[in-house]
Amino acid sequence: MQITGTHFNYYLVCRRKLWLFANGINMEHTSDLVYEGKLLHESAYPQRAQKYTEVQIDGIKIDFFDAKNKIIHEIKKSDKVKTAHEWQLKYYIYILTKAGIEGVTGVLEYPKLRKTNEIIFSSKDCEEIENFLIDIKSIITNEHCPKRELLSICKKCSYYDFCYSGEETV
């Protein structure tokens, strides 16, 4: 199974969400917040589609890649799970580096917050990503869904109703 940017992001946000998504239980289509994020992605920088390239490689899809300057632009609605966003972008850099494209950097953009964060990739990040990938594969191939954890972001998650409908708390 190819690991996508979504798998990588979910791994860092919630292991249960990762397992559910990887095992075909998709709730994003029911979420107004997910839809709002897609609209922001499409409308925040309308000139980008003409200026930058879309790249699909090894299961990832990078919407805005500045091939000339080797910069990935990743747009996010909120910085509430900033660490997951940073590692998702580092994962994209990792994939491009593995494909022979050296010197790639990234920019996380939060248009609603008027913030940007430059992301640099190091050899230590490469090792960490390879460890994450082992763990991600272990989680998604396990026959049992990880137990629910009460996280601060749960109430805004597209899987909230699924996770909190009838499962006993331990």
Foldseek 3Di string as FASTA:
>chain_A
DFQELVLLLCLLVDLLVSQCVLVPNDLLVVAPVSVVFVVCVCPVCVCQQVQADWDDDRRYIQRGARLVQQEGEAEGADCPVVVSVLLSVLVVVLRVVVVPDPDHWYKYDHSVVRDIDTHDHDVVSNVVVVVSVVVSVVSNPDPDRDQDDDDPCLVNDSCNCVNPPDDDDD
